[in-house]
Structure formats: structure tokens, C-alpha cells
Amino acid sequence: MVPLSFAPFQFAGQEWLLGPARALAWPEEQALLVADLHLEKASWFARTGQMLPPYDSRETLDRLATLVRHTGARRVFCLGDNFHDAHGPTRLDPGAAERLAALVRVVDWVWITGNHDEKDGAPADDLIGGTMLREVMVRGVMLRHEAHGQEAAPELSGHFHPRLRVAARGRTVSRPCAVMSERKLILPAFGALTGGLDAAHPALLKAMQPARSITALVPTAARVAHFPLWQAAAA
């Protein structure tokens, strides 16, 4: 059962459901997709003397467990930067490690590796369970961490942590969002301790090319709101 807080939209000829919890549901695959968990980011900073509350992994995994339960997902795809560094799995506290182990036991879990995961070599899958891949094609849709400019197939990725910034009533409101073109969809960062890049930033718009138009997607209670970001000049 998918919770009412998930709203539908169309991409690559299929229906998808975007939730305010920064996750994407794929009904055809009974799958849940998330990007950029950055687990153990706080403990990574602690090694350099920047002390942050060490609860980011637990919060991220608790939110993910709730979504798996409410959506009834049978598969989970994590689209890279799963840990903040390749040694992150060894720093999980026992509670967070058990949360992760329980999740990986109950669903078909796929880790797509990202640039943070691979800094010192990808973390061993025997430490965290699941299946570890650099990318995978599912129902004609390519799943990877960072958008690839030469990809001809529809593509889902993460990496950029997009956030929509809108000026309203004299102040700027910022919300995590997905960014979509005709053949590319970039998900917001799911992790509890992740920042964000303006969805209209030139680097993000460049990653979406080639495109005719680029749109930010923000879920509301009843629908996914579309905010135009870029339009190709008329020929």
C-alpha cells in the first residue's frame, strides 16, 4: 500500500510516485528508490574534529524503514553515495547496523555505488548485505549515481542533491525536489545530513542535457507540482 502522501507523475512512459520524504516509488517494480543516503557522515566529520550529533544514520534508516513498510516495497534501489566514505560501514553503531541488516533481510536490496562510496574502493557487500552494482538497467530505465550525457535510455540518478529555491513574501523558501527532463530524472538527497544544490544551478542543468525542457518536481498533498527551470530556445 502506497501512502497518500505519494503523488503520481509520468516519466519514461511509466507512472512514478514522488513523496515528501524525498523517495520515489515505482509501482510496476514494487520498488522504492532513494539517492544519497550519506550514512555515517557525522562520524566522518568527527574524525577531523568537527563534532556533529552522531544520529544521522539512525534517522535516515528509520525513515527508510518506515517507507518500506508503508509502500510494501519488495525492492529498494539506493542510487549511490550510500555511505559518506568507503569505511562508513565499519563505523555504524550497533543500533544502526541492526536497522540496516533488518532492512536488507526483508527486501531485495541493490546498492548503486557513487563517488563517495568509491573514494577508497567500494565498501564490501559482505559488510552491509544486498547487491552492489555500478549501474543497472531495469525495464529499459538506467539506474546510476551520476547522470551520463551520452546515455540514450531513460535515466534515473542522484548526486546533485537538488533543492528548489523560490522567493515568496520577501523570503526564500528552499525544498528538496526532483529534476526531470524528457529522458533524465535526478532525485533529491534522502540522507538526514545532506545539503543541496539549487535546482537551477548551471552544473545541474548541464547534467540534464540533451533536453528540450527541464522541470523541478515538488510533491504536495494531492499532486506533484511542476516548476519550469529551463527551456530550449525555439529553432
Protein backbone atom coordinates (compact mmCIF):
# COMPACT_ATOMS: atom_id res chain seq x y z
CA MET A 1 0.00 0.00 0.00
CA VAL A 2 1.49 3.34 -1.07
CA PRO A 3 0.73 6.16 1.40
CA LEU A 4 -1.45 9.05 0.24
CA SER A 5 1.46 11.43 0.67
CA PHE A 6 2.99 9.99 -2.51
CA ALA A 7 1.74 11.72 -5.68
CA PRO A 8 1.89 10.35 -9.25
CA PHE A 9 3.65 11.69 -12.32
CA GLN A 10 4.74 10.28 -15.67
CA PHE A 11 8.31 9.60 -16.78
CA ALA A 12 9.70 7.27 -19.46
CA GLY A 13 6.19 6.08 -20.30
CA GLN A 14 5.52 4.83 -16.77
CA GLU A 15 3.82 6.08 -13.61
CA TRP A 16 6.01 7.02 -10.66
CA LEU A 17 5.12 8.29 -7.20
CA LEU A 18 7.11 11.04 -5.50
CA GLY A 19 6.86 11.56 -1.75
CA PRO A 20 7.74 14.48 0.52
CA ALA A 21 10.15 12.13 2.31
CA ARG A 22 12.43 12.50 -0.75
CA ALA A 23 11.81 8.98 -2.04
CA LEU A 24 10.44 7.66 -5.32
CA ALA A 25 8.06 4.70 -5.58
CA TRP A 26 7.92 2.61 -8.78
CA PRO A 27 4.63 0.67 -8.78
CA GLU A 28 5.48 -1.51 -11.81
CA GLU A 29 8.54 -2.83 -9.98
CA GLN A 30 7.09 -2.69 -6.44
CA ALA A 31 10.26 -0.75 -5.77
CA LEU A 32 11.41 2.19 -3.68
CA LEU A 33 14.26 4.37 -4.95
CA VAL A 34 16.37 6.75 -2.88
CA ALA A 35 19.63 8.59 -3.53
CA ASP A 36 22.50 9.96 -1.49
CA LEU A 37 21.95 8.48 1.96
CA HIS A 38 25.45 9.57 3.04
CA LEU A 39 25.29 7.25 6.03
CA GLU A 40 27.91 7.91 8.72
CA LYS A 41 28.57 11.46 7.54
CA ALA A 42 28.63 12.76 11.12
CA SER A 43 31.22 10.17 12.19
CA TRP A 44 33.35 11.09 9.17
CA PHE A 45 33.37 14.74 10.28
CA ALA A 46 34.13 13.68 13.85
CA ARG A 47 37.42 12.16 12.69
CA THR A 48 38.53 15.67 11.65
CA GLY A 49 37.45 17.26 14.93
CA GLN A 50 34.13 18.63 13.67
CA MET A 51 31.74 17.15 16.18
CA LEU A 52 28.17 16.61 14.96
CA PRO A 53 25.37 14.68 16.71
CA PRO A 54 26.06 11.03 15.74
CA TYR A 55 22.48 10.12 14.93
CA ASP A 56 22.24 10.80 11.18
CA SER A 57 22.46 7.14 10.14
CA ARG A 58 19.75 6.04 12.58
CA GLU A 59 17.42 8.82 11.45
CA THR A 60 17.99 8.06 7.77
CA LEU A 61 17.49 4.32 8.22
CA ASP A 62 14.40 4.81 10.39
CA ARG A 63 12.78 6.96 7.69
CA LEU A 64 13.71 4.43 5.05
CA ALA A 65 12.28 1.56 7.10
CA THR A 66 9.01 3.46 7.51
CA LEU A 67 8.74 3.97 3.76
CA VAL A 68 9.49 0.31 3.00
CA ARG A 69 6.74 -0.68 5.42
CA HIS A 70 4.13 1.78 4.16
CA THR A 71 4.78 1.27 0.45
CA GLY A 72 5.05 -2.50 0.68
CA ALA A 73 8.18 -2.28 -1.49
CA ARG A 74 9.79 -5.57 -2.40
CA ARG A 75 12.89 -3.95 -3.91
CA VAL A 76 15.00 -0.98 -2.83
CA PHE A 77 17.46 0.78 -5.12
CA CYS A 78 19.93 3.16 -3.44
CA LEU A 79 21.39 5.37 -6.16
CA GLY A 80 24.89 5.96 -4.85
CA ASP A 81 26.74 7.85 -2.13
CA ASN A 82 25.16 5.35 0.21
CA PHE A 83 27.85 5.98 2.83
CA HIS A 84 29.79 9.20 3.14
CA ASP A 85 33.03 7.26 2.62
CA ALA A 86 34.07 3.71 1.83
CA HIS A 87 34.83 2.93 5.50
CA GLY A 88 31.42 4.10 6.72
CA PRO A 89 30.02 0.58 7.22
CA THR A 90 32.69 -0.15 9.84
CA ARG A 91 31.62 2.90 11.88
CA LEU A 92 27.89 2.10 12.14
CA ASP A 93 26.89 1.85 15.79
CA PRO A 94 25.22 -1.45 16.77
CA GLY A 95 21.71 0.02 16.65
CA ALA A 96 22.12 1.48 13.17
CA ALA A 97 23.86 -1.68 11.94
CA GLU A 98 20.93 -3.80 13.14
CA ARG A 99 18.42 -1.46 11.47
CA LEU A 100 20.28 -1.80 8.18
CA ALA A 101 20.65 -5.57 8.50
CA ALA A 102 16.92 -5.93 9.16
CA LEU A 103 16.06 -3.87 6.08
CA VAL A 104 18.39 -5.80 3.79
CA ARG A 105 16.92 -9.10 5.03
CA VAL A 106 13.30 -8.28 4.15
CA VAL A 107 13.64 -6.80 0.64
CA ASP A 108 15.73 -7.26 -2.50
CA TRP A 109 18.31 -4.53 -1.86
CA VAL A 110 20.52 -3.01 -4.59
CA TRP A 111 23.32 -0.57 -3.82
CA ILE A 112 24.43 1.54 -6.77
CA THR A 113 27.90 2.84 -5.96
CA GLY A 114 28.67 6.57 -6.11
CA ASN A 115 31.72 8.80 -5.93
CA HIS A 116 31.77 8.83 -2.11
CA ASP A 117 31.44 5.05 -1.92
CA GLU A 118 34.37 4.55 -4.29
CA LYS A 119 36.94 7.01 -2.92
CA ASP A 120 38.97 4.20 -1.37
CA GLY A 121 37.30 1.33 -3.17
CA ALA A 122 33.62 0.42 -2.82
CA PRO A 123 32.60 -0.97 0.60
CA ALA A 124 32.45 -4.74 0.71
CA ASP A 125 28.92 -6.07 0.30
CA ASP A 126 29.60 -8.70 2.96
CA LEU A 127 29.61 -5.84 5.48
CA ILE A 128 26.20 -4.43 4.55
CA GLY A 129 24.41 -7.16 2.56
CA GLY A 130 22.44 -6.68 -0.61
CA THR A 131 23.80 -6.48 -4.15
CA MET A 132 26.37 -3.87 -5.14
CA LEU A 133 26.50 -2.55 -8.73
CA ARG A 134 27.90 0.45 -10.56
CA GLU A 135 24.68 0.76 -12.59
CA VAL A 136 21.76 -1.39 -13.69
CA MET A 137 19.08 -1.31 -16.39
CA VAL A 138 15.55 -2.10 -15.15
CA ARG A 139 12.56 -2.14 -17.55
CA GLY A 140 14.50 -0.03 -20.02
CA VAL A 141 15.45 2.61 -17.39
CA MET A 142 19.11 3.07 -16.47
CA LEU A 143 19.78 3.46 -12.75
CA ARG A 144 23.12 5.04 -11.82
CA HIS A 145 24.58 7.58 -9.42
CA GLU A 146 25.51 10.46 -11.70
CA ALA A 147 23.75 11.46 -14.92
CA HIS A 148 25.65 10.48 -18.07
CA GLY A 149 25.49 12.86 -21.02
CA GLN A 150 25.78 10.08 -23.60
CA GLU A 151 23.03 7.88 -22.15
CA ALA A 152 20.35 7.20 -24.77
CA ALA A 153 17.97 5.32 -22.46
CA PRO A 154 15.77 6.97 -19.84
CA GLU A 155 17.93 7.50 -16.77
CA LEU A 156 17.44 7.83 -13.00
CA SER A 157 20.26 9.21 -10.86
CA GLY A 158 21.18 11.29 -7.81
CA HIS A 159 24.48 13.02 -6.92
CA PHE A 160 23.40 16.69 -7.15
CA HIS A 161 21.06 16.90 -4.11
CA PRO A 162 18.67 19.28 -5.95
CA ARG A 163 16.62 21.83 -4.00
CA LEU A 164 14.09 24.26 -5.41
CA ARG A 165 14.52 27.82 -4.17
CA VAL A 166 11.52 30.10 -4.59
CA ALA A 167 11.12 33.72 -3.45
CA ALA A 168 7.84 34.21 -1.59
CA ARG A 169 6.63 37.09 0.57
CA GLY A 170 10.04 38.64 0.86
CA ARG A 171 11.90 35.47 1.80
CA THR A 172 13.39 32.49 0.01
CA VAL A 173 11.85 29.06 0.54
CA SER A 174 14.01 26.01 -0.20
CA ARG A 175 12.68 22.47 -0.57
CA PRO A 176 14.21 19.22 -1.79
CA CYS A 177 12.96 18.39 -5.26
CA ALA A 178 13.45 16.03 -8.17
CA VAL A 179 14.55 17.43 -11.52
CA MET A 180 13.17 15.99 -14.75
CA SER A 181 13.73 16.35 -18.48
CA GLU A 182 12.36 14.16 -21.26
CA ARG A 183 14.86 11.36 -20.59
CA LYS A 184 16.52 12.13 -17.27
CA LEU A 185 15.29 12.24 -13.67
CA ILE A 186 17.54 13.30 -10.78
CA LEU A 187 16.34 12.51 -7.25
CA PRO A 188 16.80 14.67 -4.14
CA ALA A 189 19.20 13.54 -1.42
CA PHE A 190 17.50 11.25 1.11
CA GLY A 191 20.08 11.37 3.90
CA ALA A 192 19.40 13.23 7.13
CA LEU A 193 22.68 15.14 6.97
CA THR A 194 22.80 16.32 3.36
CA GLY A 195 22.81 19.80 1.89
CA GLY A 196 21.51 20.73 -1.52
CA LEU A 197 22.27 22.44 -4.82
CA ASP A 198 19.93 24.96 -6.39
CA ALA A 199 17.88 23.04 -8.96
CA ALA A 200 18.56 25.83 -11.49
CA HIS A 201 22.35 25.73 -10.96
CA PRO A 202 24.24 25.60 -14.31
CA ALA A 203 26.04 22.37 -13.36
CA LEU A 204 22.75 20.60 -12.72
CA LEU A 205 21.10 21.94 -15.87
CA LYS A 206 24.15 20.81 -17.87
CA ALA A 207 23.86 17.30 -16.42
CA MET A 208 20.25 17.11 -17.69
CA GLN A 209 21.23 17.67 -21.32
CA PRO A 210 20.28 16.95 -24.03
CA ALA A 211 16.81 18.27 -23.20
CA ARG A 212 14.01 20.38 -24.61
CA SER A 213 12.80 21.43 -21.16
CA ILE A 214 13.81 20.88 -17.53
CA THR A 215 11.38 20.93 -14.63
CA ALA A 216 11.61 20.76 -10.84
CA LEU A 217 9.13 18.35 -9.23
CA VAL A 218 7.86 19.05 -5.71
CA PRO A 219 5.27 16.71 -4.13
CA THR A 220 2.26 18.23 -2.39
CA ALA A 221 -0.58 16.53 -0.54
CA ALA A 222 -2.51 15.72 -3.71
CA ARG A 223 -0.18 16.11 -6.68
CA VAL A 224 3.33 16.73 -7.91
CA ALA A 225 3.84 20.43 -8.62
CA HIS A 226 5.94 21.24 -11.70
CA PHE A 227 8.22 24.31 -11.71
CA PRO A 228 9.89 25.17 -15.05
CA LEU A 229 13.67 25.60 -14.73
CA TRP A 230 14.92 25.76 -18.32
CA GLN A 231 13.54 25.74 -21.87
CA ALA A 232 15.46 25.24 -25.10
CA ALA A 233 15.38 28.20 -27.44
CA ALA A 234 12.91 27.88 -30.32
CA ALA A 235 14.54 26.80 -33.57
